[in-house]
């Protein structure tokens, strides 16, 4: 409809009343508007942060990334795959963990030629955390003589005793042993 109106403005006044010319411009206008929408779609798909869900799915398939989370989270995962760290350090690793695991925190240590990472999800995201994606990302960014291992934070009995007044309270909020083990205390300090 936009293209039809725009093209009508290009015509001399004597063509404005021609039914034949109006029909030609209406038909061409529909095609041009469709083409313009497709051009916008292609343009936005060219950039990861504005890509459509279908385009992000193609990227995930190509990069072998799991398609989990909202579209914005999935865009950030694809983008983080291509981000190259100037220097692989604790801050860069913590940023990568936050991007890949819904703002999770991380304890990072460098010891005996290995980077050891403990992923600490936010308390509301206490379920399992697959560490494969993080390790895969770091394998491409670290020196080859450095090892990397990642694990998810595991709750201790001390954490449970500090967090809950009674066993009944703990069981009411985390009904299985697995839920207890994966629990992340609200006041956990890193």
Protein backbone atom coordinates (compact mmCIF):
# COMPACT_ATOMS: atom_id res chain seq x y z
CA UNK A 1 0.00 0.00 0.00
CA UNK A 2 2.90 2.38 0.76
CA UNK A 3 4.59 1.77 -2.59
CA UNK A 4 1.32 2.30 -4.49
CA UNK A 5 0.78 5.71 -2.86
CA UNK A 6 4.40 6.69 -3.38
CA UNK A 7 4.29 5.72 -7.08
CA UNK A 8 1.01 7.61 -7.59
CA UNK A 9 2.86 10.73 -6.42
CA UNK A 10 5.37 10.29 -9.25
CA UNK A 11 2.70 10.39 -11.97
CA UNK A 12 1.62 13.47 -13.84
CA UNK A 13 -1.89 14.65 -12.83
CA UNK A 14 -3.59 13.31 -15.99
CA UNK A 15 -2.68 9.68 -15.02
CA UNK A 16 -4.15 9.95 -11.50
CA UNK A 17 -7.71 9.36 -12.72
CA UNK A 18 -6.84 6.49 -15.06
CA UNK A 19 -8.36 3.23 -13.70
CA UNK A 20 -5.87 1.20 -15.72
CA UNK A 21 -2.86 3.06 -14.27
CA UNK A 22 -4.28 2.82 -10.73
CA UNK A 23 -4.66 -0.95 -11.12
CA UNK A 24 -1.13 -1.32 -12.50
CA UNK A 25 0.32 0.68 -9.61
CA UNK A 26 -1.80 -1.18 -7.06
CA UNK A 27 -0.51 -4.54 -8.35
CA UNK A 28 3.09 -3.36 -8.53
CA UNK A 29 2.75 -1.71 -5.11
CA UNK A 30 1.78 -5.01 -3.46
CA UNK A 31 4.82 -6.70 -4.98
CA UNK A 32 7.15 -3.86 -3.99
CA UNK A 33 5.79 -3.79 -0.42
CA UNK A 34 6.30 -7.55 -0.14
CA UNK A 35 9.82 -7.17 -1.49
CA UNK A 36 10.55 -4.35 0.99
CA UNK A 37 9.39 -6.51 3.92
CA UNK A 38 11.58 -9.38 2.72
CA UNK A 39 14.57 -7.04 2.37
CA UNK A 40 14.04 -5.84 5.96
CA UNK A 41 13.83 -9.44 7.15
CA UNK A 42 17.05 -10.38 5.34
CA UNK A 43 18.76 -7.27 6.70
CA UNK A 44 17.74 -8.02 10.31
CA UNK A 45 18.71 -11.71 9.92
CA UNK A 46 22.21 -10.61 8.90
CA UNK A 47 22.87 -9.45 12.47
CA UNK A 48 22.69 -11.92 15.36
CA UNK A 49 21.06 -9.53 17.85
CA UNK A 50 18.16 -8.79 15.47
CA UNK A 51 17.89 -12.21 13.79
CA UNK A 52 14.56 -14.00 13.63
CA UNK A 53 13.87 -17.20 15.52
CA UNK A 54 14.23 -19.24 12.33
CA UNK A 55 17.67 -17.73 11.62
CA UNK A 56 18.83 -18.27 15.22
CA UNK A 57 17.69 -21.91 14.93
CA UNK A 58 19.90 -22.28 11.85
CA UNK A 59 22.87 -20.82 13.76
CA UNK A 60 22.23 -23.16 16.72
CA UNK A 61 22.06 -26.17 14.42
CA UNK A 62 25.27 -25.17 12.64
CA UNK A 63 27.14 -24.45 15.91
CA UNK A 64 25.57 -27.46 17.68
CA UNK A 65 24.16 -25.26 20.45
CA UNK A 66 21.10 -26.40 22.40
CA UNK A 67 18.03 -24.27 21.54
CA UNK A 68 17.01 -23.34 25.08
CA UNK A 69 15.71 -20.08 26.56
CA UNK A 70 14.01 -17.03 25.16
CA UNK A 71 14.88 -15.70 21.72
CA UNK A 72 17.04 -12.98 23.29
CA UNK A 73 18.92 -15.54 25.41
CA UNK A 74 19.44 -17.74 22.35
CA UNK A 75 20.80 -14.73 20.41
CA UNK A 76 23.27 -14.01 23.22
CA UNK A 77 24.44 -17.66 23.21
CA UNK A 78 25.10 -17.58 19.46
CA UNK A 79 26.84 -14.21 19.77
CA UNK A 80 28.98 -15.41 22.68
CA UNK A 81 30.22 -18.28 20.53
CA UNK A 82 31.97 -15.76 18.28
CA UNK A 83 33.22 -13.39 20.93
CA UNK A 84 36.96 -13.67 21.21
CA UNK A 85 38.57 -12.76 24.50
CA UNK A 86 41.62 -10.57 24.27
CA UNK A 87 42.86 -12.40 27.34
CA UNK A 88 41.26 -15.40 28.97
CA UNK A 89 40.90 -14.30 32.58
CA UNK A 90 38.53 -14.70 35.50
CA UNK A 91 36.32 -11.78 34.43
CA UNK A 92 35.98 -13.08 30.88
CA UNK A 93 35.03 -16.55 32.16
CA UNK A 94 32.47 -15.11 34.60
CA UNK A 95 30.94 -13.07 31.78
CA UNK A 96 30.68 -16.17 29.58
CA UNK A 97 29.05 -18.15 32.42
CA UNK A 98 26.51 -15.35 32.95
CA UNK A 99 25.64 -15.30 29.23
CA UNK A 100 25.33 -19.07 28.84
CA UNK A 101 23.51 -19.85 32.10
CA UNK A 102 20.91 -17.12 32.68
CA UNK A 103 23.05 -14.71 34.75
CA UNK A 104 24.67 -17.48 36.80
CA UNK A 105 27.75 -16.64 38.86
CA UNK A 106 31.01 -18.56 38.85
CA UNK A 107 33.94 -19.45 41.07
CA UNK A 108 37.06 -19.63 38.93
CA UNK A 109 40.43 -20.99 39.98
CA UNK A 110 43.65 -21.57 38.06
CA UNK A 111 45.62 -24.40 39.63
CA UNK A 112 48.00 -27.10 38.39
CA UNK A 113 47.63 -26.12 34.74
CA UNK A 114 43.84 -26.31 34.81
CA UNK A 115 41.03 -23.77 34.84
CA UNK A 116 38.43 -25.01 37.33
CA UNK A 117 35.00 -23.43 37.20
CA UNK A 118 32.07 -23.93 39.55
CA UNK A 119 28.84 -22.60 38.05
CA UNK A 120 26.47 -21.16 40.64
CA UNK A 121 23.00 -20.62 39.16
CA UNK A 122 20.72 -17.99 40.58
CA UNK A 123 18.51 -19.48 43.33
CA UNK A 124 15.44 -19.39 41.07
CA UNK A 125 17.33 -21.41 38.41
CA UNK A 126 18.50 -24.16 40.72
CA UNK A 127 17.95 -27.07 38.30
CA UNK A 128 20.72 -29.01 36.52
CA UNK A 129 23.29 -27.06 34.54
CA UNK A 130 24.91 -28.75 31.55
CA UNK A 131 28.58 -27.72 31.59
CA UNK A 132 29.38 -29.08 28.12
CA UNK A 133 28.61 -25.80 26.36
CA UNK A 134 30.93 -23.78 28.63
CA UNK A 135 33.80 -26.26 28.29
CA UNK A 136 33.34 -26.36 24.51
CA UNK A 137 33.47 -22.54 24.35
CA UNK A 138 36.60 -22.34 26.50
CA UNK A 139 38.39 -25.12 24.61
CA UNK A 140 38.55 -22.87 21.55
CA UNK A 141 39.77 -19.85 23.52
CA UNK A 142 42.36 -21.24 25.95
CA UNK A 143 45.98 -22.17 25.34
CA UNK A 144 46.29 -25.84 24.36
CA UNK A 145 48.47 -26.76 27.35
CA UNK A 146 45.84 -25.56 29.85
CA UNK A 147 43.04 -27.91 30.87
CA UNK A 148 39.52 -26.81 31.70
CA UNK A 149 36.86 -28.39 33.89
CA UNK A 150 33.47 -27.09 34.92
CA UNK A 151 30.92 -28.33 37.40
CA UNK A 152 27.71 -27.12 38.92
CA UNK A 153 27.64 -25.91 42.52
CA UNK A 154 26.60 -28.66 44.96
CA UNK A 155 24.88 -27.69 48.20
CA UNK A 156 26.51 -28.87 51.45
CA UNK A 157 24.85 -29.82 54.74
CA UNK A 158 26.24 -26.58 56.19
CA UNK A 159 24.42 -24.63 53.46
CA UNK A 160 21.17 -26.48 54.25
CA UNK A 161 21.55 -25.88 58.02
CA UNK A 162 22.09 -22.15 57.46
CA UNK A 163 19.24 -21.83 54.95
CA UNK A 164 16.48 -23.82 56.69
CA UNK A 165 15.45 -23.92 60.35
CA UNK A 166 14.18 -27.52 60.24
CA UNK A 167 14.39 -30.56 58.02
CA UNK A 168 10.62 -30.30 57.47
CA UNK A 169 11.06 -26.78 56.06
CA UNK A 170 13.85 -27.98 53.76
CA UNK A 171 11.76 -30.93 52.58
CA UNK A 172 8.74 -28.71 51.93
CA UNK A 173 10.79 -26.46 49.60
CA UNK A 174 13.07 -29.13 48.09
CA UNK A 175 11.20 -32.46 48.24
CA UNK A 176 13.87 -34.82 46.81
CA UNK A 177 17.53 -35.48 47.56
CA UNK A 178 18.39 -34.24 44.10
CA UNK A 179 16.57 -30.97 44.79
CA UNK A 180 18.51 -30.60 48.05
CA UNK A 181 21.82 -31.24 46.28
CA UNK A 182 21.02 -28.69 43.52
CA UNK A 183 19.71 -26.06 45.94
CA UNK A 184 21.46 -22.69 45.79
CA UNK A 185 21.31 -20.73 49.08
CA UNK A 186 20.00 -17.17 48.82
CA UNK A 187 22.96 -15.75 50.79
CA UNK A 188 25.72 -17.72 49.06
CA UNK A 189 28.87 -15.64 48.79
CA UNK A 190 31.38 -16.16 46.03
